[in-house]
Amino acid sequence: MSKLGKRLIKAAEEGLAIARGEADPSTYHLHIPPAIDTRAIRKSLKLTQQQFATRYHIPVATLRDWEQGRRVPDAPARALIAAIREEPEVIRRALKRTAA
C-alpha cells in the first residue's frame, strides 16, 4: 500500500474514533488544501469530464461547475481532488471497492 493510502486509512480511523467519542477532536489539526485546479488534474490523467466524474464518483455537473468557475469545491472535495492528484489509482481502487 502506498504512503498516501496508509495516511488515508489512519485519518479515517482517527475520524471514526472521534465520532465514537473515543478521541478528543481538539487534539487533531484539520488541513484544508488551498484552491485546486481540477481541470489540470483531470487533463493530466487524460480523462474526459464524464470519465473523471464516473471514476471518482463526482456528479459530472458538479465537475463542470468547478472547472468553469461557477462553483468552488468545498473542503472535503478539495481533499479528494488533492488525493486524486497524488495517487489517482489508489483512490480509484478504494472507490471501486466501496461501490461494490
N, C-alpha and C. Protein backbone atom coordinates (compact mmCIF):
# COMPACT_ATOMS: atom_id res chain seq x y z
N MET A 1 0.85 -1.17 0.00
CA MET A 1 0.00 0.00 0.00
C MET A 1 0.90 1.23 0.00
N SER A 2 0.44 2.26 -0.69
CA SER A 2 1.24 3.49 -0.78
C SER A 2 1.21 4.25 0.55
N LYS A 3 2.13 5.18 0.66
CA LYS A 3 2.19 6.03 1.85
C LYS A 3 0.90 6.83 2.01
N LEU A 4 0.38 7.37 0.90
CA LEU A 4 -0.87 8.12 0.97
C LEU A 4 -2.02 7.21 1.40
N GLY A 5 -2.07 6.02 0.87
CA GLY A 5 -3.12 5.08 1.25
C GLY A 5 -3.10 4.80 2.75
N LYS A 6 -1.91 4.61 3.30
CA LYS A 6 -1.78 4.38 4.75
C LYS A 6 -2.24 5.60 5.54
N ARG A 7 -1.88 6.79 5.04
CA ARG A 7 -2.30 8.02 5.73
C ARG A 7 -3.81 8.20 5.68
N LEU A 8 -4.42 7.87 4.56
CA LEU A 8 -5.87 7.99 4.44
C LEU A 8 -6.59 7.03 5.39
N ILE A 9 -6.08 5.81 5.49
CA ILE A 9 -6.68 4.84 6.41
C ILE A 9 -6.53 5.32 7.85
N LYS A 10 -5.35 5.81 8.20
CA LYS A 10 -5.13 6.31 9.56
C LYS A 10 -6.08 7.47 9.86
N ALA A 11 -6.24 8.39 8.91
CA ALA A 11 -7.13 9.53 9.11
C ALA A 11 -8.58 9.06 9.29
N ALA A 12 -9.00 8.07 8.50
CA ALA A 12 -10.36 7.55 8.63
C ALA A 12 -10.55 6.89 10.00
N GLU A 13 -9.56 6.15 10.46
CA GLU A 13 -9.65 5.53 11.79
C GLU A 13 -9.72 6.58 12.89
N GLU A 14 -8.94 7.65 12.76
CA GLU A 14 -8.97 8.73 13.74
C GLU A 14 -10.33 9.43 13.72
N GLY A 15 -10.89 9.65 12.53
CA GLY A 15 -12.20 10.27 12.43
C GLY A 15 -13.28 9.41 13.08
N LEU A 16 -13.19 8.11 12.88
CA LEU A 16 -14.14 7.19 13.49
C LEU A 16 -14.02 7.22 15.01
N ALA A 17 -12.80 7.28 15.51
CA ALA A 17 -12.59 7.35 16.96
C ALA A 17 -13.21 8.63 17.53
N ILE A 18 -13.06 9.73 16.82
CA ILE A 18 -13.68 10.99 17.27
C ILE A 18 -15.20 10.86 17.26
N ALA A 19 -15.75 10.29 16.18
CA ALA A 19 -17.20 10.13 16.07
C ALA A 19 -17.76 9.24 17.18
N ARG A 20 -16.99 8.25 17.60
CA ARG A 20 -17.43 7.35 18.66
C ARG A 20 -17.21 7.94 20.06
N GLY A 21 -16.55 9.09 20.12
CA GLY A 21 -16.27 9.70 21.42
C GLY A 21 -15.06 9.10 22.10
N GLU A 22 -14.23 8.36 21.36
CA GLU A 22 -13.05 7.69 21.90
C GLU A 22 -11.80 8.56 21.81
N ALA A 23 -11.88 9.69 21.12
CA ALA A 23 -10.72 10.57 20.94
C ALA A 23 -11.19 12.02 21.06
N ASP A 24 -10.30 12.88 21.49
CA ASP A 24 -10.60 14.29 21.67
C ASP A 24 -10.35 15.03 20.36
N PRO A 25 -11.40 15.58 19.74
CA PRO A 25 -11.22 16.25 18.45
C PRO A 25 -10.30 17.47 18.52
N SER A 26 -10.15 18.07 19.69
CA SER A 26 -9.30 19.26 19.79
C SER A 26 -7.82 18.93 19.65
N THR A 27 -7.47 17.65 19.71
CA THR A 27 -6.06 17.26 19.57
C THR A 27 -5.66 17.02 18.13
N TYR A 28 -6.62 17.18 17.19
CA TYR A 28 -6.33 16.95 15.78
C TYR A 28 -6.37 18.25 15.00
N HIS A 29 -5.55 18.34 13.98
CA HIS A 29 -5.50 19.52 13.12
C HIS A 29 -6.11 19.17 11.77
N LEU A 30 -7.05 19.98 11.34
CA LEU A 30 -7.68 19.77 10.04
C LEU A 30 -6.96 20.62 9.00
N HIS A 31 -6.44 19.97 7.97
CA HIS A 31 -5.76 20.67 6.89
C HIS A 31 -6.73 20.82 5.73
N ILE A 32 -7.01 22.05 5.35
CA ILE A 32 -7.86 22.32 4.19
C ILE A 32 -6.95 22.81 3.08
N PRO A 33 -6.82 22.03 2.01
CA PRO A 33 -5.93 22.45 0.93
C PRO A 33 -6.45 23.72 0.26
N PRO A 34 -5.54 24.52 -0.27
CA PRO A 34 -5.96 25.74 -0.97
C PRO A 34 -6.71 25.40 -2.26
N ALA A 35 -7.11 26.42 -2.97
CA ALA A 35 -7.81 26.20 -4.25
C ALA A 35 -7.04 25.18 -5.08
N ILE A 36 -7.77 24.42 -5.85
CA ILE A 36 -7.16 23.33 -6.59
C ILE A 36 -7.65 23.36 -8.04
N ASP A 37 -6.77 23.08 -8.97
CA ASP A 37 -7.10 23.12 -10.39
C ASP A 37 -7.58 21.75 -10.86
N THR A 38 -8.86 21.53 -10.70
CA THR A 38 -9.45 20.23 -11.04
C THR A 38 -9.26 19.90 -12.52
N ARG A 39 -9.43 20.89 -13.38
CA ARG A 39 -9.28 20.65 -14.82
C ARG A 39 -7.88 20.16 -15.15
N ALA A 40 -6.86 20.79 -14.58
CA ALA A 40 -5.48 20.39 -14.86
C ALA A 40 -5.22 18.96 -14.39
N ILE A 41 -5.76 18.61 -13.24
CA ILE A 41 -5.58 17.26 -12.71
C ILE A 41 -6.27 16.25 -13.63
N ARG A 42 -7.50 16.56 -14.02
CA ARG A 42 -8.24 15.67 -14.93
C ARG A 42 -7.50 15.50 -16.26
N LYS A 43 -7.04 16.60 -16.81
CA LYS A 43 -6.33 16.54 -18.10
C LYS A 43 -5.02 15.78 -17.98
N SER A 44 -4.33 15.92 -16.84
CA SER A 44 -3.07 15.18 -16.66
C SER A 44 -3.31 13.68 -16.65
N LEU A 45 -4.53 13.27 -16.27
CA LEU A 45 -4.89 11.86 -16.27
C LEU A 45 -5.47 11.41 -17.61
N LYS A 46 -5.59 12.38 -18.55
CA LYS A 46 -6.10 12.10 -19.89
C LYS A 46 -7.51 11.51 -19.85
N LEU A 47 -8.37 12.13 -19.01
CA LEU A 47 -9.75 11.69 -18.87
C LEU A 47 -10.70 12.80 -19.31
N THR A 48 -11.81 12.41 -19.91
CA THR A 48 -12.86 13.39 -20.19
C THR A 48 -13.55 13.73 -18.87
N GLN A 49 -14.38 14.76 -18.91
CA GLN A 49 -15.14 15.10 -17.71
C GLN A 49 -16.00 13.91 -17.27
N GLN A 50 -16.65 13.29 -18.22
CA GLN A 50 -17.52 12.15 -17.90
C GLN A 50 -16.72 11.00 -17.29
N GLN A 51 -15.57 10.69 -17.88
CA GLN A 51 -14.74 9.60 -17.36
C GLN A 51 -14.25 9.90 -15.94
N PHE A 52 -13.76 11.12 -15.73
CA PHE A 52 -13.26 11.53 -14.41
C PHE A 52 -14.38 11.47 -13.38
N ALA A 53 -15.53 12.03 -13.74
CA ALA A 53 -16.68 12.06 -12.83
C ALA A 53 -17.12 10.65 -12.45
N THR A 54 -17.20 9.78 -13.43
CA THR A 54 -17.61 8.40 -13.17
C THR A 54 -16.59 7.67 -12.32
N ARG A 55 -15.33 7.79 -12.68
CA ARG A 55 -14.27 7.07 -11.97
C ARG A 55 -14.18 7.48 -10.50
N TYR A 56 -14.37 8.78 -10.22
CA TYR A 56 -14.17 9.27 -8.85
C TYR A 56 -15.47 9.65 -8.15
N HIS A 57 -16.59 9.19 -8.69
CA HIS A 57 -17.91 9.34 -8.04
C HIS A 57 -18.26 10.80 -7.76
N ILE A 58 -18.04 11.64 -8.75
CA ILE A 58 -18.36 13.06 -8.66
C ILE A 58 -19.43 13.34 -9.72
N PRO A 59 -20.52 13.98 -9.35
CA PRO A 59 -21.52 14.32 -10.38
C PRO A 59 -20.87 15.16 -11.50
N VAL A 60 -21.12 14.78 -12.74
CA VAL A 60 -20.47 15.47 -13.86
C VAL A 60 -20.85 16.95 -13.88
N ALA A 61 -22.07 17.29 -13.50
CA ALA A 61 -22.47 18.71 -13.47
C ALA A 61 -21.65 19.48 -12.43
N THR A 62 -21.36 18.84 -11.31
CA THR A 62 -20.53 19.47 -10.28
C THR A 62 -19.12 19.70 -10.80
N LEU A 63 -18.56 18.69 -11.46
CA LEU A 63 -17.22 18.82 -12.03
C LEU A 63 -17.18 19.95 -13.05
N ARG A 64 -18.18 20.03 -13.91
CA ARG A 64 -18.24 21.12 -14.90
C ARG A 64 -18.28 22.48 -14.20
N ASP A 65 -19.09 22.58 -13.16
CA ASP A 65 -19.18 23.85 -12.43
C ASP A 65 -17.84 24.24 -11.83
N TRP A 66 -17.12 23.28 -11.27
CA TRP A 66 -15.79 23.57 -10.71
C TRP A 66 -14.85 24.06 -11.81
N GLU A 67 -14.83 23.33 -12.91
CA GLU A 67 -13.90 23.65 -13.98
C GLU A 67 -14.23 24.97 -14.66
N GLN A 68 -15.48 25.34 -14.70
CA GLN A 68 -15.89 26.59 -15.35
C GLN A 68 -15.99 27.76 -14.36
N GLY A 69 -15.61 27.52 -13.11
CA GLY A 69 -15.56 28.59 -12.13
C GLY A 69 -16.90 29.04 -11.58
N ARG A 70 -17.95 28.27 -11.83
CA ARG A 70 -19.27 28.63 -11.29
C ARG A 70 -19.41 28.23 -9.83
N ARG A 71 -18.65 27.22 -9.44
CA ARG A 71 -18.63 26.77 -8.05
C ARG A 71 -17.20 26.44 -7.68
N VAL A 72 -16.95 26.40 -6.37
CA VAL A 72 -15.64 26.05 -5.85
C VAL A 72 -15.81 24.79 -5.00
N PRO A 73 -14.94 23.80 -5.16
CA PRO A 73 -15.07 22.60 -4.34
C PRO A 73 -14.96 22.95 -2.85
N ASP A 74 -15.81 22.33 -2.03
CA ASP A 74 -15.70 22.55 -0.59
C ASP A 74 -14.49 21.79 -0.05
N ALA A 75 -14.24 21.89 1.24
CA ALA A 75 -13.03 21.31 1.84
C ALA A 75 -12.92 19.80 1.60
N PRO A 76 -13.97 18.99 1.83
CA PRO A 76 -13.82 17.56 1.56
C PRO A 76 -13.56 17.26 0.08
N ALA A 77 -14.21 18.01 -0.81
CA ALA A 77 -13.98 17.80 -2.24
C ALA A 77 -12.55 18.17 -2.62
N ARG A 78 -12.02 19.27 -2.05
CA ARG A 78 -10.62 19.65 -2.33
C ARG A 78 -9.67 18.56 -1.84
N ALA A 79 -9.98 17.99 -0.69
CA ALA A 79 -9.13 16.91 -0.17
C ALA A 79 -9.16 15.71 -1.10
N LEU A 80 -10.36 15.36 -1.60
CA LEU A 80 -10.47 14.24 -2.54
C LEU A 80 -9.69 14.53 -3.81
N ILE A 81 -9.84 15.72 -4.37
CA ILE A 81 -9.13 16.07 -5.60
C ILE A 81 -7.62 16.05 -5.38
N ALA A 82 -7.18 16.54 -4.22
CA ALA A 82 -5.74 16.52 -3.90
C ALA A 82 -5.24 15.07 -3.82
N ALA A 83 -6.04 14.20 -3.21
CA ALA A 83 -5.65 12.79 -3.12
C ALA A 83 -5.60 12.16 -4.51
N ILE A 84 -6.57 12.50 -5.36
CA ILE A 84 -6.56 12.00 -6.74
C ILE A 84 -5.30 12.48 -7.46
N ARG A 85 -4.92 13.75 -7.25
CA ARG A 85 -3.72 14.29 -7.89
C ARG A 85 -2.49 13.47 -7.50
N GLU A 86 -2.39 13.08 -6.23
CA GLU A 86 -1.20 12.38 -5.74
C GLU A 86 -1.22 10.88 -6.03
N GLU A 87 -2.38 10.26 -5.89
CA GLU A 87 -2.48 8.80 -6.03
C GLU A 87 -3.77 8.42 -6.75
N PRO A 88 -3.89 8.74 -8.02
CA PRO A 88 -5.16 8.51 -8.72
C PRO A 88 -5.60 7.04 -8.72
N GLU A 89 -4.68 6.12 -8.87
CA GLU A 89 -5.07 4.70 -8.93
C GLU A 89 -5.47 4.18 -7.56
N VAL A 90 -4.83 4.64 -6.50
CA VAL A 90 -5.20 4.22 -5.15
C VAL A 90 -6.63 4.67 -4.86
N ILE A 91 -6.93 5.92 -5.19
CA ILE A 91 -8.28 6.45 -4.96
C ILE A 91 -9.29 5.72 -5.82
N ARG A 92 -8.96 5.46 -7.08
CA ARG A 92 -9.87 4.72 -7.97
C ARG A 92 -10.20 3.35 -7.39
N ARG A 93 -9.15 2.63 -6.94
CA ARG A 93 -9.38 1.30 -6.37
C ARG A 93 -10.20 1.37 -5.09
N ALA A 94 -9.92 2.33 -4.24
CA ALA A 94 -10.66 2.47 -2.98
C ALA A 94 -12.13 2.75 -3.25
N LEU A 95 -12.40 3.64 -4.19
CA LEU A 95 -13.79 3.96 -4.50
C LEU A 95 -14.49 2.79 -5.19
N LYS A 96 -13.76 2.05 -5.99
CA LYS A 96 -14.33 0.89 -6.66
C LYS A 96 -14.76 -0.15 -5.63
N ARG A 97 -13.95 -0.34 -4.59
CA ARG A 97 -14.29 -1.30 -3.54
C ARG A 97 -15.51 -0.85 -2.75
N THR A 98 -15.63 0.45 -2.48
CA THR A 98 -16.76 0.93 -1.69
C THR A 98 -18.06 0.87 -2.47
N ALA A 99 -17.98 0.91 -3.80
CA ALA A 99 -19.19 0.86 -4.62
C ALA A 99 -19.70 -0.58 -4.80
N ALA A 100 -18.83 -1.53 -4.56
CA ALA A 100 -19.19 -2.95 -4.78
C ALA A 100 -20.11 -3.48 -3.70
